Amino acid sequence: MDIARMKAELRRDEGVRLKPYRDTVGKLTIGVGRNLDDTGITEGEADRLLEDDIGRAIADLDGALPWWRNLSEIRQRAVLNMAFNLGLSRLLGFKTMLADLERGDYEGAAREAIDSRWARQIGARAQRIAMMLAEG
């Protein structure tokens, strides 16, 4: 079978939607007719999405906070975890925490992370991230 032709026909007939929507019978759908209610996604697909999302968050951080690459790997993972969770624009709202990190005041950065509405909302995750920031 000519898979390329089949893909083109399905794209034409199903359409391509990059955000979830409800199809004509109310099923949550995405992409080229992927029925998320009944089919969902595979572990492999979830992992590929995660890799793409991590890559996007890294690129965002590189563009907005080029100094973040000078942090230890553990602190980089903490900042990336926050960027992944919050999105870049909300992370950039942590001005004091980011300034503390940039100048090497890791205890201050951890305090700022914990003393936030974000930390109160996500609980244990924020505690883990703050520990990573403090201890590096």
N, C-alpha and C. Protein backbone atom coordinates (compact mmCIF):
# COMPACT_ATOMS: atom_id res chain seq x y z
N MET A 1 0.83 -1.19 0.00
CA MET A 1 0.00 0.00 0.00
C MET A 1 0.87 1.25 0.00
N ASP A 2 0.42 2.25 -0.69
CA ASP A 2 1.11 3.53 -0.74
C ASP A 2 0.68 4.34 0.50
N ILE A 3 1.48 4.26 1.56
CA ILE A 3 1.15 4.90 2.83
C ILE A 3 1.12 6.43 2.68
N ALA A 4 2.02 6.98 1.88
CA ALA A 4 2.03 8.43 1.68
C ALA A 4 0.71 8.90 1.08
N ARG A 5 0.20 8.16 0.10
CA ARG A 5 -1.07 8.53 -0.51
C ARG A 5 -2.21 8.37 0.50
N MET A 6 -2.16 7.28 1.29
CA MET A 6 -3.19 7.06 2.30
C MET A 6 -3.20 8.20 3.31
N LYS A 7 -2.01 8.62 3.75
CA LYS A 7 -1.92 9.73 4.69
C LYS A 7 -2.52 11.00 4.09
N ALA A 8 -2.21 11.27 2.84
CA ALA A 8 -2.74 12.46 2.18
C ALA A 8 -4.26 12.41 2.10
N GLU A 9 -4.81 11.25 1.79
CA GLU A 9 -6.27 11.11 1.71
C GLU A 9 -6.91 11.30 3.07
N LEU A 10 -6.31 10.72 4.10
CA LEU A 10 -6.87 10.87 5.44
C LEU A 10 -6.75 12.30 5.94
N ARG A 11 -5.64 12.95 5.62
CA ARG A 11 -5.51 14.36 5.99
C ARG A 11 -6.60 15.19 5.31
N ARG A 12 -6.84 14.89 4.05
CA ARG A 12 -7.89 15.61 3.31
C ARG A 12 -9.26 15.33 3.91
N ASP A 13 -9.55 14.08 4.19
CA ASP A 13 -10.90 13.70 4.63
C ASP A 13 -11.15 13.95 6.11
N GLU A 14 -10.16 13.74 6.94
CA GLU A 14 -10.32 13.95 8.39
C GLU A 14 -9.99 15.38 8.80
N GLY A 15 -9.08 16.00 8.05
CA GLY A 15 -8.55 17.29 8.46
C GLY A 15 -7.43 17.08 9.46
N VAL A 16 -6.72 18.14 9.76
CA VAL A 16 -5.63 18.10 10.73
C VAL A 16 -5.93 19.16 11.78
N ARG A 17 -6.09 18.72 13.02
CA ARG A 17 -6.36 19.64 14.12
C ARG A 17 -5.28 19.44 15.16
N LEU A 18 -4.56 20.49 15.47
CA LEU A 18 -3.41 20.40 16.37
C LEU A 18 -3.79 20.62 17.83
N LYS A 19 -5.04 20.93 18.07
CA LYS A 19 -5.54 21.06 19.43
C LYS A 19 -6.75 20.14 19.57
N PRO A 20 -6.97 19.60 20.75
CA PRO A 20 -8.11 18.69 20.93
C PRO A 20 -9.44 19.38 20.62
N TYR A 21 -10.35 18.60 20.07
CA TYR A 21 -11.69 19.09 19.74
C TYR A 21 -12.66 17.94 19.88
N ARG A 22 -13.93 18.25 19.93
CA ARG A 22 -14.97 17.22 19.96
C ARG A 22 -15.43 16.96 18.52
N ASP A 23 -15.40 15.69 18.12
CA ASP A 23 -15.82 15.37 16.75
C ASP A 23 -17.34 15.38 16.65
N THR A 24 -17.85 14.92 15.52
CA THR A 24 -19.29 15.02 15.26
C THR A 24 -20.14 14.17 16.20
N VAL A 25 -19.54 13.17 16.85
CA VAL A 25 -20.28 12.36 17.83
C VAL A 25 -19.83 12.64 19.25
N GLY A 26 -19.06 13.72 19.43
CA GLY A 26 -18.68 14.14 20.78
C GLY A 26 -17.43 13.52 21.35
N LYS A 27 -16.68 12.80 20.55
CA LYS A 27 -15.44 12.17 21.02
C LYS A 27 -14.30 13.19 21.00
N LEU A 28 -13.51 13.20 22.06
CA LEU A 28 -12.33 14.06 22.10
C LEU A 28 -11.33 13.53 21.08
N THR A 29 -10.91 14.41 20.16
CA THR A 29 -10.12 14.02 19.00
C THR A 29 -8.99 15.01 18.82
N ILE A 30 -7.89 14.55 18.21
CA ILE A 30 -6.76 15.42 17.90
C ILE A 30 -6.05 14.88 16.66
N GLY A 31 -5.23 15.73 16.06
CA GLY A 31 -4.42 15.30 14.92
C GLY A 31 -5.28 15.01 13.71
N VAL A 32 -5.04 13.86 13.12
CA VAL A 32 -5.81 13.42 11.95
C VAL A 32 -6.78 12.35 12.43
N GLY A 33 -7.84 12.77 13.10
CA GLY A 33 -8.88 11.85 13.52
C GLY A 33 -8.53 10.92 14.67
N ARG A 34 -7.52 11.23 15.48
CA ARG A 34 -7.18 10.36 16.62
C ARG A 34 -8.22 10.53 17.71
N ASN A 35 -8.97 9.47 17.97
CA ASN A 35 -10.01 9.46 18.98
C ASN A 35 -9.36 9.23 20.34
N LEU A 36 -9.20 10.30 21.10
CA LEU A 36 -8.54 10.19 22.41
C LEU A 36 -9.42 9.49 23.44
N ASP A 37 -10.73 9.65 23.33
CA ASP A 37 -11.62 9.00 24.30
C ASP A 37 -11.50 7.48 24.23
N ASP A 38 -11.48 6.93 23.04
CA ASP A 38 -11.46 5.47 22.89
C ASP A 38 -10.06 4.89 22.72
N THR A 39 -9.17 5.62 22.03
CA THR A 39 -7.85 5.10 21.70
C THR A 39 -6.77 5.64 22.62
N GLY A 40 -6.86 6.90 22.98
CA GLY A 40 -5.81 7.52 23.79
C GLY A 40 -4.52 7.61 23.00
N ILE A 41 -3.40 7.55 23.72
CA ILE A 41 -2.09 7.52 23.08
C ILE A 41 -1.28 6.40 23.72
N THR A 42 -0.23 5.98 23.04
CA THR A 42 0.63 4.92 23.56
C THR A 42 1.70 5.51 24.46
N GLU A 43 2.37 4.66 25.22
CA GLU A 43 3.51 5.10 26.03
C GLU A 43 4.58 5.75 25.15
N GLY A 44 4.83 5.14 23.99
CA GLY A 44 5.82 5.69 23.06
C GLY A 44 5.44 7.08 22.58
N GLU A 45 4.16 7.27 22.27
CA GLU A 45 3.70 8.58 21.84
C GLU A 45 3.82 9.60 22.97
N ALA A 46 3.46 9.18 24.18
CA ALA A 46 3.59 10.08 25.33
C ALA A 46 5.05 10.47 25.54
N ASP A 47 5.96 9.52 25.35
CA ASP A 47 7.39 9.81 25.52
C ASP A 47 7.88 10.77 24.44
N ARG A 48 7.42 10.58 23.19
CA ARG A 48 7.82 11.50 22.11
C ARG A 48 7.28 12.91 22.37
N LEU A 49 6.05 13.01 22.84
CA LEU A 49 5.50 14.32 23.20
C LEU A 49 6.32 14.96 24.31
N LEU A 50 6.67 14.16 25.31
CA LEU A 50 7.47 14.67 26.43
C LEU A 50 8.82 15.18 25.93
N GLU A 51 9.49 14.41 25.09
CA GLU A 51 10.78 14.84 24.54
C GLU A 51 10.64 16.15 23.77
N ASP A 52 9.59 16.27 22.97
CA ASP A 52 9.35 17.51 22.24
C ASP A 52 9.12 18.67 23.20
N ASP A 53 8.32 18.43 24.24
CA ASP A 53 8.02 19.49 25.20
C ASP A 53 9.26 19.90 26.00
N ILE A 54 10.09 18.95 26.35
CA ILE A 54 11.35 19.26 27.04
C ILE A 54 12.24 20.10 26.13
N GLY A 55 12.35 19.70 24.87
CA GLY A 55 13.15 20.46 23.91
C GLY A 55 12.65 21.88 23.74
N ARG A 56 11.35 22.05 23.71
CA ARG A 56 10.76 23.39 23.58
C ARG A 56 11.06 24.22 24.83
N ALA A 57 10.93 23.62 26.01
CA ALA A 57 11.21 24.34 27.26
C ALA A 57 12.69 24.73 27.34
N ILE A 58 13.58 23.85 26.91
CA ILE A 58 15.01 24.17 26.90
C ILE A 58 15.28 25.34 25.96
N ALA A 59 14.71 25.31 24.77
CA ALA A 59 14.91 26.40 23.81
C ALA A 59 14.37 27.71 24.37
N ASP A 60 13.22 27.66 25.04
CA ASP A 60 12.67 28.87 25.65
C ASP A 60 13.62 29.42 26.71
N LEU A 61 14.14 28.54 27.57
CA LEU A 61 15.08 28.98 28.61
C LEU A 61 16.36 29.54 27.99
N ASP A 62 16.88 28.87 26.97
CA ASP A 62 18.09 29.36 26.32
C ASP A 62 17.89 30.77 25.77
N GLY A 63 16.71 31.03 25.23
CA GLY A 63 16.44 32.35 24.66
C GLY A 63 16.24 33.43 25.71
N ALA A 64 15.58 33.07 26.81
CA ALA A 64 15.23 34.08 27.81
C ALA A 64 16.24 34.22 28.94
N LEU A 65 16.89 33.11 29.30
CA LEU A 65 17.81 33.10 30.44
C LEU A 65 19.10 32.36 30.06
N PRO A 66 19.90 32.91 29.18
CA PRO A 66 21.06 32.16 28.69
C PRO A 66 22.01 31.73 29.81
N TRP A 67 22.03 32.42 30.94
CA TRP A 67 22.89 32.06 32.06
C TRP A 67 22.49 30.76 32.73
N TRP A 68 21.27 30.28 32.50
CA TRP A 68 20.80 29.08 33.20
C TRP A 68 21.67 27.87 32.89
N ARG A 69 22.35 27.89 31.73
CA ARG A 69 23.23 26.78 31.36
C ARG A 69 24.48 26.72 32.23
N ASN A 70 24.79 27.80 32.97
CA ASN A 70 25.95 27.82 33.86
C ASN A 70 25.64 27.19 35.22
N LEU A 71 24.38 26.89 35.48
CA LEU A 71 24.00 26.24 36.73
C LEU A 71 24.44 24.78 36.71
N SER A 72 24.54 24.17 37.88
CA SER A 72 24.82 22.73 37.94
C SER A 72 23.68 21.99 37.23
N GLU A 73 23.94 20.75 36.86
CA GLU A 73 22.91 19.97 36.17
C GLU A 73 21.66 19.84 37.03
N ILE A 74 21.81 19.64 38.31
CA ILE A 74 20.66 19.48 39.20
C ILE A 74 19.83 20.77 39.21
N ARG A 75 20.48 21.91 39.31
CA ARG A 75 19.75 23.18 39.31
C ARG A 75 19.12 23.44 37.94
N GLN A 76 19.80 23.05 36.88
CA GLN A 76 19.21 23.18 35.54
C GLN A 76 17.93 22.36 35.46
N ARG A 77 17.97 21.15 35.99
CA ARG A 77 16.77 20.30 35.96
C ARG A 77 15.65 20.93 36.78
N ALA A 78 15.98 21.57 37.91
CA ALA A 78 14.97 22.23 38.73
C ALA A 78 14.32 23.37 37.95
N VAL A 79 15.14 24.20 37.30
CA VAL A 79 14.60 25.32 36.53
C VAL A 79 13.78 24.80 35.35
N LEU A 80 14.26 23.77 34.68
CA LEU A 80 13.53 23.19 33.56
C LEU A 80 12.20 22.60 34.03
N ASN A 81 12.20 21.96 35.19
CA ASN A 81 10.97 21.40 35.75
C ASN A 81 9.96 22.51 35.97
N MET A 82 10.42 23.63 36.53
CA MET A 82 9.52 24.76 36.74
C MET A 82 9.02 25.33 35.42
N ALA A 83 9.92 25.47 34.44
CA ALA A 83 9.52 25.99 33.13
C ALA A 83 8.50 25.08 32.48
N PHE A 84 8.69 23.78 32.61
CA PHE A 84 7.77 22.80 32.05
C PHE A 84 6.40 22.94 32.71
N ASN A 85 6.39 23.10 34.02
CA ASN A 85 5.15 23.17 34.78
C ASN A 85 4.43 24.51 34.59
N LEU A 86 5.17 25.60 34.64
CA LEU A 86 4.58 26.93 34.63
C LEU A 86 4.44 27.54 33.24
N GLY A 87 5.31 27.14 32.34
CA GLY A 87 5.46 27.86 31.08
C GLY A 87 6.45 28.99 31.30
N LEU A 88 7.12 29.41 30.24
CA LEU A 88 8.18 30.40 30.35
C LEU A 88 7.67 31.72 30.92
N SER A 89 6.54 32.21 30.44
CA SER A 89 6.10 33.54 30.88
C SER A 89 5.82 33.57 32.37
N ARG A 90 5.22 32.54 32.91
CA ARG A 90 4.97 32.52 34.35
C ARG A 90 6.25 32.30 35.13
N LEU A 91 7.17 31.49 34.62
CA LEU A 91 8.47 31.32 35.28
C LEU A 91 9.19 32.66 35.37
N LEU A 92 9.15 33.43 34.31
CA LEU A 92 9.83 34.73 34.30
C LEU A 92 9.26 35.69 35.34
N GLY A 93 8.07 35.40 35.84
CA GLY A 93 7.48 36.19 36.92
C GLY A 93 8.18 35.98 38.26
N PHE A 94 9.00 34.95 38.37
CA PHE A 94 9.77 34.67 39.58
C PHE A 94 11.07 35.48 39.53
N LYS A 95 10.94 36.78 39.43
CA LYS A 95 12.09 37.66 39.21
C LYS A 95 13.15 37.56 40.30
N THR A 96 12.74 37.58 41.57
CA THR A 96 13.71 37.53 42.66
C THR A 96 14.40 36.16 42.69
N MET A 97 13.63 35.09 42.51
CA MET A 97 14.21 33.75 42.50
C MET A 97 15.24 33.63 41.38
N LEU A 98 14.89 34.11 40.20
CA LEU A 98 15.81 34.01 39.07
C LEU A 98 17.06 34.86 39.29
N ALA A 99 16.88 36.05 39.86
CA ALA A 99 18.04 36.90 40.17
C ALA A 99 18.94 36.23 41.20
N ASP A 100 18.32 35.60 42.21
CA ASP A 100 19.10 34.87 43.20
C ASP A 100 19.90 33.74 42.55
N LEU A 101 19.26 33.00 41.67
CA LEU A 101 19.96 31.91 40.97
C LEU A 101 21.12 32.43 40.14
N GLU A 102 20.87 33.50 39.41
CA GLU A 102 21.90 34.02 38.51
C GLU A 102 23.14 34.47 39.30
N ARG A 103 22.94 35.02 40.49
CA ARG A 103 24.09 35.49 41.25
C ARG A 103 24.63 34.44 42.24
N GLY A 104 24.02 33.25 42.25
CA GLY A 104 24.54 32.16 43.08
C GLY A 104 23.99 32.09 44.49
N ASP A 105 22.93 32.82 44.77
CA ASP A 105 22.28 32.73 46.09
C ASP A 105 21.22 31.63 46.01
N TYR A 106 21.67 30.40 46.13
CA TYR A 106 20.80 29.25 45.92
C TYR A 106 19.80 29.07 47.06
N GLU A 107 20.20 29.37 48.28
CA GLU A 107 19.26 29.31 49.41
C GLU A 107 18.15 30.34 49.22
N GLY A 108 18.53 31.54 48.80
CA GLY A 108 17.53 32.57 48.54
C GLY A 108 16.58 32.17 47.43
N ALA A 109 17.11 31.57 46.37
CA ALA A 109 16.27 31.11 45.27
C ALA A 109 15.27 30.06 45.75
N ALA A 110 15.75 29.15 46.58
CA ALA A 110 14.87 28.10 47.11
C ALA A 110 13.77 28.72 47.97
N ARG A 111 14.13 29.69 48.81
CA ARG A 111 13.12 30.36 49.65
C ARG A 111 12.07 31.05 48.79
N GLU A 112 12.53 31.73 47.75
CA GLU A 112 11.60 32.42 46.86
C GLU A 112 10.65 31.43 46.16
N ALA A 113 11.19 30.29 45.76
CA ALA A 113 10.35 29.29 45.11
C ALA A 113 9.27 28.78 46.07
N ILE A 114 9.67 28.51 47.31
CA ILE A 114 8.73 27.98 48.30
C ILE A 114 7.71 29.02 48.73
N ASP A 115 8.12 30.28 48.78
CA ASP A 115 7.23 31.35 49.23
C ASP A 115 6.43 31.88 48.04
N SER A 116 5.65 31.02 47.44
CA SER A 116 4.89 31.41 46.24
C SER A 116 3.56 30.67 46.20
N ARG A 117 2.65 31.25 45.49
CA ARG A 117 1.35 30.59 45.27
C ARG A 117 1.56 29.28 44.52
N TRP A 118 2.50 29.28 43.57
CA TRP A 118 2.81 28.06 42.82
C TRP A 118 3.16 26.91 43.76
N ALA A 119 4.04 27.17 44.75
CA ALA A 119 4.46 26.13 45.69
C ALA A 119 3.27 25.63 46.51
N ARG A 120 2.40 26.52 46.90
CA ARG A 120 1.22 26.11 47.68
C ARG A 120 0.29 25.26 46.83
N GLN A 121 0.26 25.52 45.54
CA GLN A 121 -0.63 24.76 44.65
C GLN A 121 -0.10 23.36 44.36
N ILE A 122 1.22 23.21 44.23
CA ILE A 122 1.72 21.90 43.79
C ILE A 122 2.42 21.10 44.88
N GLY A 123 2.58 21.68 46.06
CA GLY A 123 3.02 20.94 47.24
C GLY A 123 4.38 20.27 47.13
N ALA A 124 4.37 18.94 47.18
CA ALA A 124 5.61 18.16 47.27
C ALA A 124 6.55 18.41 46.10
N ARG A 125 6.01 18.62 44.93
CA ARG A 125 6.86 18.91 43.77
C ARG A 125 7.68 20.17 44.01
N ALA A 126 7.05 21.20 44.55
CA ALA A 126 7.77 22.45 44.84
C ALA A 126 8.84 22.22 45.90
N GLN A 127 8.56 21.41 46.87
CA GLN A 127 9.55 21.10 47.92
C GLN A 127 10.77 20.42 47.29
N ARG A 128 10.53 19.46 46.40
CA ARG A 128 11.64 18.77 45.74
C ARG A 128 12.47 19.74 44.89
N ILE A 129 11.78 20.60 44.14
CA ILE A 129 12.47 21.55 43.28
C ILE A 129 13.29 22.54 44.12
N ALA A 130 12.71 23.03 45.19
CA ALA A 130 13.43 23.96 46.07
C ALA A 130 14.67 23.31 46.65
N MET A 131 14.57 22.04 47.02
CA MET A 131 15.74 21.33 47.55
C MET A 131 16.81 21.22 46.47
N MET A 132 16.42 20.97 45.25
CA MET A 132 17.37 20.89 44.14
C MET A 132 18.05 22.25 43.94
N LEU A 133 17.27 23.33 44.03
CA LEU A 133 17.86 24.66 43.88
C LEU A 133 18.84 24.95 44.99
N ALA A 134 18.48 24.62 46.20
CA ALA A 134 19.32 24.93 47.36
C ALA A 134 20.59 24.09 47.39
N GLU A 135 20.44 22.80 47.13
CA GLU A 135 21.57 21.88 47.31
C GLU A 135 22.38 21.63 46.06
N GLY A 136 21.76 21.84 44.91
CA GLY A 136 22.46 21.72 43.64
C GLY A 136 23.00 20.37 43.35
